[in-house]
Amino acid sequence: MSAWLSFLLAIEIAIVMLVSGKFRFQMDATAIGMSVFMAAVISTLALATFQIGAPMCGAQTAALLSTIEPVSSILLGVIFLGEHMSLRIFLSGICFILMSIVIQIKEKERIGCEGSYMKLAVALQERADLNIKKIEDLKARVKQKCIGAGR
């Protein structure tokens, strides 16, 4: 889904740039090759491994672990690309990541509580079924005694 959204957004941006006369395509063969490689191999590989790994560890754990992605992107940009990161950007990034972690933990707790309620409901239903069986057995015994006593 996100691939289609990105593709459609790229087409929209290209149309707007063409209509406004600001579209400039000034990339050499190396840049085009690297762009195709990044799109076809690296992005596809990352998405495929995420899709394979999510069922293995669970959707919520996968979502929680994916919050590390922005941090690693920033660190790699600073280390390898020489990008500048101000304290304000750093702190706001930390706040967003912490908020997403808290939301994920709260959601996991909520689902855990619902699961506990379901287990309780199943246990109560099983107990009720057992009690109904006991009552039916008791009725059968009383009926047998009444028949045996000639009533």
N, C-alpha and C. Protein backbone atom coordinates (compact mmCIF):
# COMPACT_ATOMS: atom_id res chain seq x y z
N MET A 1 0.82 -1.19 0.00
CA MET A 1 0.00 0.00 0.00
C MET A 1 0.87 1.26 0.00
N SER A 2 1.89 1.29 0.85
CA SER A 2 2.73 2.50 0.90
C SER A 2 3.49 2.70 -0.40
N ALA A 3 3.82 1.61 -1.09
CA ALA A 3 4.51 1.74 -2.38
C ALA A 3 3.60 2.42 -3.40
N TRP A 4 2.32 2.05 -3.41
CA TRP A 4 1.37 2.67 -4.33
C TRP A 4 1.16 4.14 -3.99
N LEU A 5 1.07 4.44 -2.71
CA LEU A 5 0.89 5.84 -2.30
C LEU A 5 2.10 6.68 -2.72
N SER A 6 3.29 6.14 -2.53
CA SER A 6 4.50 6.86 -2.92
C SER A 6 4.54 7.05 -4.43
N PHE A 7 4.17 6.02 -5.16
CA PHE A 7 4.18 6.09 -6.63
C PHE A 7 3.20 7.16 -7.11
N LEU A 8 1.97 7.14 -6.58
CA LEU A 8 0.96 8.12 -7.00
C LEU A 8 1.36 9.54 -6.60
N LEU A 9 1.96 9.69 -5.44
CA LEU A 9 2.43 11.00 -5.02
C LEU A 9 3.54 11.50 -5.93
N ALA A 10 4.43 10.62 -6.35
CA ALA A 10 5.49 11.01 -7.27
C ALA A 10 4.92 11.48 -8.61
N ILE A 11 3.88 10.80 -9.08
CA ILE A 11 3.24 11.21 -10.34
C ILE A 11 2.59 12.58 -10.17
N GLU A 12 1.90 12.80 -9.05
CA GLU A 12 1.27 14.10 -8.79
C GLU A 12 2.31 15.21 -8.76
N ILE A 13 3.41 14.98 -8.08
CA ILE A 13 4.46 16.00 -7.99
C ILE A 13 5.05 16.27 -9.36
N ALA A 14 5.26 15.21 -10.16
CA ALA A 14 5.80 15.39 -11.51
C ALA A 14 4.85 16.23 -12.36
N ILE A 15 3.55 15.98 -12.26
CA ILE A 15 2.57 16.74 -13.04
C ILE A 15 2.59 18.20 -12.64
N VAL A 16 2.60 18.46 -11.33
CA VAL A 16 2.63 19.84 -10.85
C VAL A 16 3.91 20.54 -11.31
N MET A 17 5.03 19.85 -11.25
CA MET A 17 6.30 20.46 -11.67
C MET A 17 6.32 20.72 -13.18
N LEU A 18 5.75 19.80 -13.96
CA LEU A 18 5.68 20.00 -15.41
C LEU A 18 4.78 21.18 -15.76
N VAL A 19 3.62 21.27 -15.12
CA VAL A 19 2.67 22.35 -15.40
C VAL A 19 3.26 23.69 -14.99
N SER A 20 3.96 23.73 -13.86
CA SER A 20 4.52 24.99 -13.39
C SER A 20 5.82 25.35 -14.10
N GLY A 21 6.37 24.44 -14.89
CA GLY A 21 7.60 24.71 -15.63
C GLY A 21 8.86 24.63 -14.79
N LYS A 22 8.79 23.98 -13.64
CA LYS A 22 9.94 23.87 -12.76
C LYS A 22 10.56 22.48 -12.75
N PHE A 23 10.13 21.63 -13.66
CA PHE A 23 10.65 20.26 -13.70
C PHE A 23 12.03 20.26 -14.35
N ARG A 24 13.02 19.82 -13.63
CA ARG A 24 14.39 19.72 -14.15
C ARG A 24 14.92 18.34 -13.80
N PHE A 25 15.37 17.66 -14.82
CA PHE A 25 15.91 16.32 -14.63
C PHE A 25 17.37 16.36 -15.02
N GLN A 26 18.24 16.62 -14.05
CA GLN A 26 19.66 16.77 -14.32
C GLN A 26 20.46 15.75 -13.53
N MET A 27 20.28 14.48 -13.89
CA MET A 27 21.03 13.41 -13.22
C MET A 27 21.86 12.68 -14.26
N ASP A 28 23.08 12.34 -13.86
CA ASP A 28 23.91 11.56 -14.77
C ASP A 28 23.56 10.08 -14.64
N ALA A 29 24.20 9.23 -15.42
CA ALA A 29 23.88 7.80 -15.43
C ALA A 29 24.15 7.14 -14.07
N THR A 30 25.20 7.58 -13.38
CA THR A 30 25.50 7.01 -12.06
C THR A 30 24.39 7.31 -11.07
N ALA A 31 23.90 8.55 -11.07
CA ALA A 31 22.82 8.93 -10.15
C ALA A 31 21.54 8.17 -10.48
N ILE A 32 21.24 8.01 -11.75
CA ILE A 32 20.04 7.26 -12.15
C ILE A 32 20.19 5.80 -11.72
N GLY A 33 21.35 5.21 -11.94
CA GLY A 33 21.59 3.83 -11.55
C GLY A 33 21.47 3.63 -10.04
N MET A 34 22.02 4.56 -9.27
CA MET A 34 21.92 4.47 -7.81
C MET A 34 20.47 4.62 -7.35
N SER A 35 19.73 5.51 -7.99
CA SER A 35 18.32 5.69 -7.63
C SER A 35 17.52 4.42 -7.90
N VAL A 36 17.75 3.81 -9.04
CA VAL A 36 17.05 2.57 -9.38
C VAL A 36 17.45 1.46 -8.40
N PHE A 37 18.74 1.38 -8.08
CA PHE A 37 19.22 0.37 -7.13
C PHE A 37 18.57 0.58 -5.77
N MET A 38 18.54 1.82 -5.30
CA MET A 38 17.94 2.11 -3.99
C MET A 38 16.46 1.73 -3.99
N ALA A 39 15.76 2.07 -5.05
CA ALA A 39 14.31 1.80 -5.09
C ALA A 39 14.03 0.32 -5.25
N ALA A 40 14.74 -0.33 -6.14
CA ALA A 40 14.42 -1.72 -6.47
C ALA A 40 14.99 -2.72 -5.47
N VAL A 41 16.18 -2.51 -5.01
CA VAL A 41 16.83 -3.52 -4.17
C VAL A 41 16.71 -3.20 -2.69
N ILE A 42 17.20 -2.06 -2.28
CA ILE A 42 17.27 -1.76 -0.85
C ILE A 42 15.89 -1.61 -0.24
N SER A 43 15.02 -0.82 -0.87
CA SER A 43 13.67 -0.63 -0.31
C SER A 43 12.87 -1.93 -0.34
N THR A 44 12.97 -2.65 -1.43
CA THR A 44 12.24 -3.92 -1.55
C THR A 44 12.75 -4.93 -0.53
N LEU A 45 14.05 -5.00 -0.35
CA LEU A 45 14.63 -5.93 0.61
C LEU A 45 14.19 -5.58 2.04
N ALA A 46 14.19 -4.30 2.36
CA ALA A 46 13.76 -3.88 3.70
C ALA A 46 12.29 -4.22 3.94
N LEU A 47 11.45 -3.94 2.97
CA LEU A 47 10.02 -4.23 3.12
C LEU A 47 9.77 -5.73 3.21
N ALA A 48 10.46 -6.50 2.37
CA ALA A 48 10.27 -7.96 2.38
C ALA A 48 10.71 -8.57 3.71
N THR A 49 11.85 -8.15 4.23
CA THR A 49 12.31 -8.71 5.50
C THR A 49 11.41 -8.28 6.65
N PHE A 50 10.86 -7.06 6.59
CA PHE A 50 9.91 -6.63 7.61
C PHE A 50 8.65 -7.48 7.56
N GLN A 51 8.15 -7.74 6.35
CA GLN A 51 6.94 -8.54 6.20
C GLN A 51 7.16 -9.99 6.65
N ILE A 52 8.35 -10.51 6.46
CA ILE A 52 8.67 -11.86 6.92
C ILE A 52 8.83 -11.89 8.44
N GLY A 53 9.46 -10.87 9.00
CA GLY A 53 9.75 -10.84 10.43
C GLY A 53 8.57 -10.50 11.31
N ALA A 54 7.62 -9.71 10.80
CA ALA A 54 6.47 -9.28 11.62
C ALA A 54 5.67 -10.46 12.17
N PRO A 55 5.34 -11.47 11.36
CA PRO A 55 4.61 -12.60 11.94
C PRO A 55 5.44 -13.40 12.95
N MET A 56 6.75 -13.38 12.80
CA MET A 56 7.61 -14.14 13.71
C MET A 56 7.62 -13.55 15.12
N CYS A 57 7.63 -12.22 15.21
CA CYS A 57 7.72 -11.61 16.54
C CYS A 57 6.41 -10.94 16.96
N GLY A 58 5.44 -10.89 16.08
CA GLY A 58 4.17 -10.25 16.39
C GLY A 58 4.14 -8.83 15.86
N ALA A 59 2.97 -8.41 15.47
CA ALA A 59 2.82 -7.09 14.84
C ALA A 59 3.20 -5.96 15.78
N GLN A 60 2.81 -6.07 17.04
CA GLN A 60 3.11 -4.97 17.97
C GLN A 60 4.59 -4.87 18.28
N THR A 61 5.25 -6.02 18.43
CA THR A 61 6.69 -5.98 18.68
C THR A 61 7.42 -5.43 17.45
N ALA A 62 6.97 -5.83 16.27
CA ALA A 62 7.58 -5.31 15.04
C ALA A 62 7.40 -3.80 14.93
N ALA A 63 6.22 -3.31 15.28
CA ALA A 63 5.98 -1.87 15.25
C ALA A 63 6.85 -1.14 16.27
N LEU A 64 7.00 -1.75 17.43
CA LEU A 64 7.84 -1.15 18.47
C LEU A 64 9.30 -1.10 18.03
N LEU A 65 9.76 -2.19 17.43
CA LEU A 65 11.14 -2.22 16.96
C LEU A 65 11.37 -1.27 15.79
N SER A 66 10.33 -1.01 15.01
CA SER A 66 10.50 -0.11 13.87
C SER A 66 10.69 1.34 14.29
N THR A 67 10.46 1.63 15.57
CA THR A 67 10.71 3.00 16.04
C THR A 67 12.22 3.29 16.10
N ILE A 68 13.04 2.27 15.99
CA ILE A 68 14.49 2.47 15.98
C ILE A 68 14.96 3.02 14.63
N GLU A 69 14.17 2.82 13.59
CA GLU A 69 14.56 3.23 12.24
C GLU A 69 14.92 4.71 12.13
N PRO A 70 14.09 5.63 12.65
CA PRO A 70 14.47 7.05 12.52
C PRO A 70 15.79 7.38 13.23
N VAL A 71 16.02 6.75 14.38
CA VAL A 71 17.25 7.01 15.12
C VAL A 71 18.46 6.57 14.30
N SER A 72 18.39 5.36 13.74
CA SER A 72 19.52 4.88 12.95
C SER A 72 19.71 5.72 11.70
N SER A 73 18.62 6.19 11.09
CA SER A 73 18.74 7.05 9.90
C SER A 73 19.45 8.36 10.24
N ILE A 74 19.08 8.94 11.37
CA ILE A 74 19.72 10.20 11.77
C ILE A 74 21.20 9.98 12.06
N LEU A 75 21.50 8.94 12.82
CA LEU A 75 22.91 8.66 13.15
C LEU A 75 23.75 8.39 11.90
N LEU A 76 23.23 7.60 10.99
CA LEU A 76 23.97 7.32 9.76
C LEU A 76 24.15 8.58 8.91
N GLY A 77 23.11 9.45 8.90
CA GLY A 77 23.24 10.71 8.17
C GLY A 77 24.31 11.61 8.75
N VAL A 78 24.38 11.66 10.07
CA VAL A 78 25.40 12.50 10.73
C VAL A 78 26.79 11.91 10.51
N ILE A 79 26.91 10.59 10.65
CA ILE A 79 28.23 9.95 10.55
C ILE A 79 28.75 9.94 9.12
N PHE A 80 27.93 9.47 8.18
CA PHE A 80 28.42 9.25 6.81
C PHE A 80 28.19 10.42 5.86
N LEU A 81 27.13 11.21 6.08
CA LEU A 81 26.81 12.29 5.15
C LEU A 81 27.18 13.67 5.69
N GLY A 82 27.63 13.72 6.93
CA GLY A 82 28.04 14.99 7.51
C GLY A 82 26.88 15.94 7.75
N GLU A 83 25.69 15.41 7.96
CA GLU A 83 24.53 16.26 8.22
C GLU A 83 24.64 16.87 9.62
N HIS A 84 24.03 18.03 9.76
CA HIS A 84 24.04 18.73 11.04
C HIS A 84 22.75 18.43 11.79
N MET A 85 22.87 18.17 13.08
CA MET A 85 21.69 17.92 13.89
C MET A 85 21.75 18.82 15.12
N SER A 86 20.74 19.68 15.23
CA SER A 86 20.71 20.59 16.37
C SER A 86 20.10 19.88 17.59
N LEU A 87 20.26 20.48 18.73
CA LEU A 87 19.71 19.93 19.97
C LEU A 87 18.18 19.87 19.90
N ARG A 88 17.58 20.88 19.30
CA ARG A 88 16.12 20.92 19.16
C ARG A 88 15.61 19.75 18.32
N ILE A 89 16.26 19.47 17.21
CA ILE A 89 15.88 18.34 16.36
C ILE A 89 16.08 17.03 17.12
N PHE A 90 17.19 16.92 17.83
CA PHE A 90 17.47 15.70 18.59
C PHE A 90 16.40 15.45 19.65
N LEU A 91 16.08 16.49 20.44
CA LEU A 91 15.10 16.34 21.51
C LEU A 91 13.69 16.07 20.97
N SER A 92 13.32 16.74 19.89
CA SER A 92 11.99 16.48 19.33
C SER A 92 11.91 15.07 18.77
N GLY A 93 12.97 14.57 18.17
CA GLY A 93 12.99 13.19 17.70
C GLY A 93 12.86 12.20 18.83
N ILE A 94 13.58 12.45 19.91
CA ILE A 94 13.48 11.58 21.09
C ILE A 94 12.05 11.58 21.64
N CYS A 95 11.43 12.77 21.69
CA CYS A 95 10.05 12.85 22.20
C CYS A 95 9.08 12.05 21.33
N PHE A 96 9.20 12.17 20.01
CA PHE A 96 8.32 11.42 19.12
C PHE A 96 8.52 9.91 19.27
N ILE A 97 9.75 9.51 19.39
CA ILE A 97 10.02 8.07 19.54
C ILE A 97 9.48 7.56 20.87
N LEU A 98 9.70 8.32 21.95
CA LEU A 98 9.17 7.90 23.25
C LEU A 98 7.64 7.85 23.25
N MET A 99 7.00 8.82 22.58
CA MET A 99 5.54 8.80 22.50
C MET A 99 5.05 7.55 21.77
N SER A 100 5.72 7.19 20.68
CA SER A 100 5.28 6.00 19.94
C SER A 100 5.51 4.73 20.76
N ILE A 101 6.58 4.69 21.53
CA ILE A 101 6.82 3.52 22.38
C ILE A 101 5.74 3.42 23.46
N VAL A 102 5.40 4.55 24.09
CA VAL A 102 4.37 4.54 25.13
C VAL A 102 3.03 4.10 24.54
N ILE A 103 2.69 4.60 23.36
CA ILE A 103 1.43 4.21 22.71
C ILE A 103 1.42 2.71 22.44
N GLN A 104 2.53 2.18 21.94
CA GLN A 104 2.60 0.75 21.66
C GLN A 104 2.46 -0.08 22.93
N ILE A 105 3.11 0.34 24.00
CA ILE A 105 3.03 -0.40 25.27
C ILE A 105 1.60 -0.37 25.80
N LYS A 106 0.96 0.80 25.76
CA LYS A 106 -0.43 0.91 26.24
C LYS A 106 -1.35 0.03 25.41
N GLU A 107 -1.15 0.00 24.11
CA GLU A 107 -1.98 -0.84 23.24
C GLU A 107 -1.77 -2.32 23.57
N LYS A 108 -0.53 -2.69 23.83
CA LYS A 108 -0.24 -4.08 24.17
C LYS A 108 -0.91 -4.44 25.50
N GLU A 109 -0.89 -3.53 26.47
CA GLU A 109 -1.55 -3.78 27.75
C GLU A 109 -3.06 -3.91 27.58
N ARG A 110 -3.63 -3.06 26.72
CA ARG A 110 -5.08 -3.09 26.48
C ARG A 110 -5.48 -4.43 25.87
N ILE A 111 -4.72 -4.88 24.91
CA ILE A 111 -5.02 -6.16 24.27
C ILE A 111 -4.81 -7.29 25.26
N GLY A 112 -3.80 -7.18 26.12
CA GLY A 112 -3.57 -8.18 27.14
C GLY A 112 -4.75 -8.28 28.10
N CYS A 113 -5.33 -7.12 28.48
CA CYS A 113 -6.49 -7.12 29.37
C CYS A 113 -7.68 -7.76 28.68
N GLU A 114 -7.90 -7.44 27.41
CA GLU A 114 -9.01 -8.05 26.69
C GLU A 114 -8.83 -9.56 26.61
N GLY A 115 -7.59 -10.00 26.42
CA GLY A 115 -7.32 -11.43 26.37
C GLY A 115 -7.62 -12.08 27.71
N SER A 116 -7.31 -11.40 28.81
CA SER A 116 -7.60 -11.93 30.14
C SER A 116 -9.10 -12.05 30.36
N TYR A 117 -9.85 -11.04 29.92
CA TYR A 117 -11.30 -11.11 30.05
C TYR A 117 -11.87 -12.27 29.24
N MET A 118 -11.31 -12.50 28.06
CA MET A 118 -11.78 -13.61 27.24
C MET A 118 -11.49 -14.93 27.93
N LYS A 119 -10.31 -15.08 28.52
CA LYS A 119 -9.97 -16.31 29.24
C LYS A 119 -10.93 -16.53 30.42
N LEU A 120 -11.24 -15.45 31.12
CA LEU A 120 -12.17 -15.55 32.24
C LEU A 120 -13.56 -15.96 31.76
N ALA A 121 -14.00 -15.37 30.67
CA ALA A 121 -15.32 -15.70 30.12
C ALA A 121 -15.37 -17.17 29.70
N VAL A 122 -14.31 -17.66 29.08
CA VAL A 122 -14.26 -19.07 28.67
C VAL A 122 -14.28 -19.97 29.89
N ALA A 123 -13.51 -19.61 30.92
CA ALA A 123 -13.48 -20.42 32.14
C ALA A 123 -14.85 -20.45 32.81
N LEU A 124 -15.53 -19.31 32.87
CA LEU A 124 -16.87 -19.27 33.46
C LEU A 124 -17.86 -20.09 32.65
N GLN A 125 -17.74 -20.02 31.33
CA GLN A 125 -18.63 -20.81 30.47
C GLN A 125 -18.40 -22.30 30.69
N GLU A 126 -17.14 -22.69 30.77
CA GLU A 126 -16.83 -24.10 31.02
C GLU A 126 -17.39 -24.54 32.38
N ARG A 127 -17.27 -23.67 33.38
CA ARG A 127 -17.79 -24.00 34.70
C ARG A 127 -19.31 -24.10 34.68
N ALA A 128 -19.95 -23.19 33.96
CA ALA A 128 -21.41 -23.24 33.84
C ALA A 128 -21.83 -24.52 33.13
N ASP A 129 -21.11 -24.89 32.06
CA ASP A 129 -21.42 -26.14 31.36
C ASP A 129 -21.26 -27.33 32.29
N LEU A 130 -20.22 -27.31 33.12
CA LEU A 130 -19.99 -28.39 34.08
C LEU A 130 -21.12 -28.45 35.12
N ASN A 131 -21.55 -27.27 35.60
CA ASN A 131 -22.65 -27.23 36.57
C ASN A 131 -23.95 -27.73 35.94
N ILE A 132 -24.21 -27.36 34.70
CA ILE A 132 -25.42 -27.86 34.02
C ILE A 132 -25.37 -29.38 33.91
N LYS A 133 -24.19 -29.91 33.57
CA LYS A 133 -24.03 -31.36 33.49
C LYS A 133 -24.28 -32.02 34.86
N LYS A 134 -23.76 -31.39 35.91
CA LYS A 134 -23.98 -31.94 37.26
C LYS A 134 -25.47 -31.93 37.60
N ILE A 135 -26.18 -30.86 37.26
CA ILE A 135 -27.61 -30.76 37.55
C ILE A 135 -28.36 -31.84 36.77
N GLU A 136 -27.99 -32.02 35.49
CA GLU A 136 -28.66 -33.06 34.69
C GLU A 136 -28.39 -34.45 35.27
N ASP A 137 -27.16 -34.71 35.72
CA ASP A 137 -26.84 -35.99 36.34
C ASP A 137 -27.66 -36.19 37.63
N LEU A 138 -27.76 -35.13 38.42
CA LEU A 138 -28.54 -35.19 39.66
C LEU A 138 -30.02 -35.48 39.37
N LYS A 139 -30.57 -34.81 38.35
CA LYS A 139 -31.96 -35.05 37.95
C LYS A 139 -32.14 -36.52 37.54
N ALA A 140 -31.19 -37.03 36.76
CA ALA A 140 -31.28 -38.43 36.31
C ALA A 140 -31.24 -39.39 37.49
N ARG A 141 -30.37 -39.13 38.47
CA ARG A 141 -30.29 -40.00 39.65
C ARG A 141 -31.58 -39.95 40.47
N VAL A 142 -32.12 -38.74 40.65
CA VAL A 142 -33.36 -38.59 41.40
C VAL A 142 -34.48 -39.33 40.67
N LYS A 143 -34.51 -39.17 39.33
CA LYS A 143 -35.53 -39.84 38.54
C LYS A 143 -35.42 -41.36 38.66
N GLN A 144 -34.16 -41.88 38.64
CA GLN A 144 -33.95 -43.33 38.79
C GLN A 144 -34.41 -43.80 40.17
N LYS A 145 -34.08 -43.02 41.18
CA LYS A 145 -34.50 -43.40 42.54
C LYS A 145 -36.02 -43.40 42.66
N CYS A 146 -36.66 -42.41 42.04
CA CYS A 146 -38.12 -42.33 42.10
C CYS A 146 -38.74 -43.51 41.36
N ILE A 147 -38.16 -43.87 40.20
CA ILE A 147 -38.67 -45.02 39.44
C ILE A 147 -38.43 -46.30 40.22
N GLY A 148 -37.23 -46.40 40.83
CA GLY A 148 -36.89 -47.59 41.61
C GLY A 148 -37.75 -47.73 42.85
N ALA A 149 -38.18 -46.60 43.41
CA ALA A 149 -39.01 -46.64 44.62
C ALA A 149 -40.48 -46.81 44.26
N GLY A 150 -40.80 -46.82 42.97
CA GLY A 150 -42.17 -47.04 42.52
C GLY A 150 -43.03 -45.78 42.55
N ARG A 151 -42.47 -44.68 42.47
CA ARG A 151 -43.25 -43.43 42.51
C ARG A 151 -43.60 -42.97 41.15
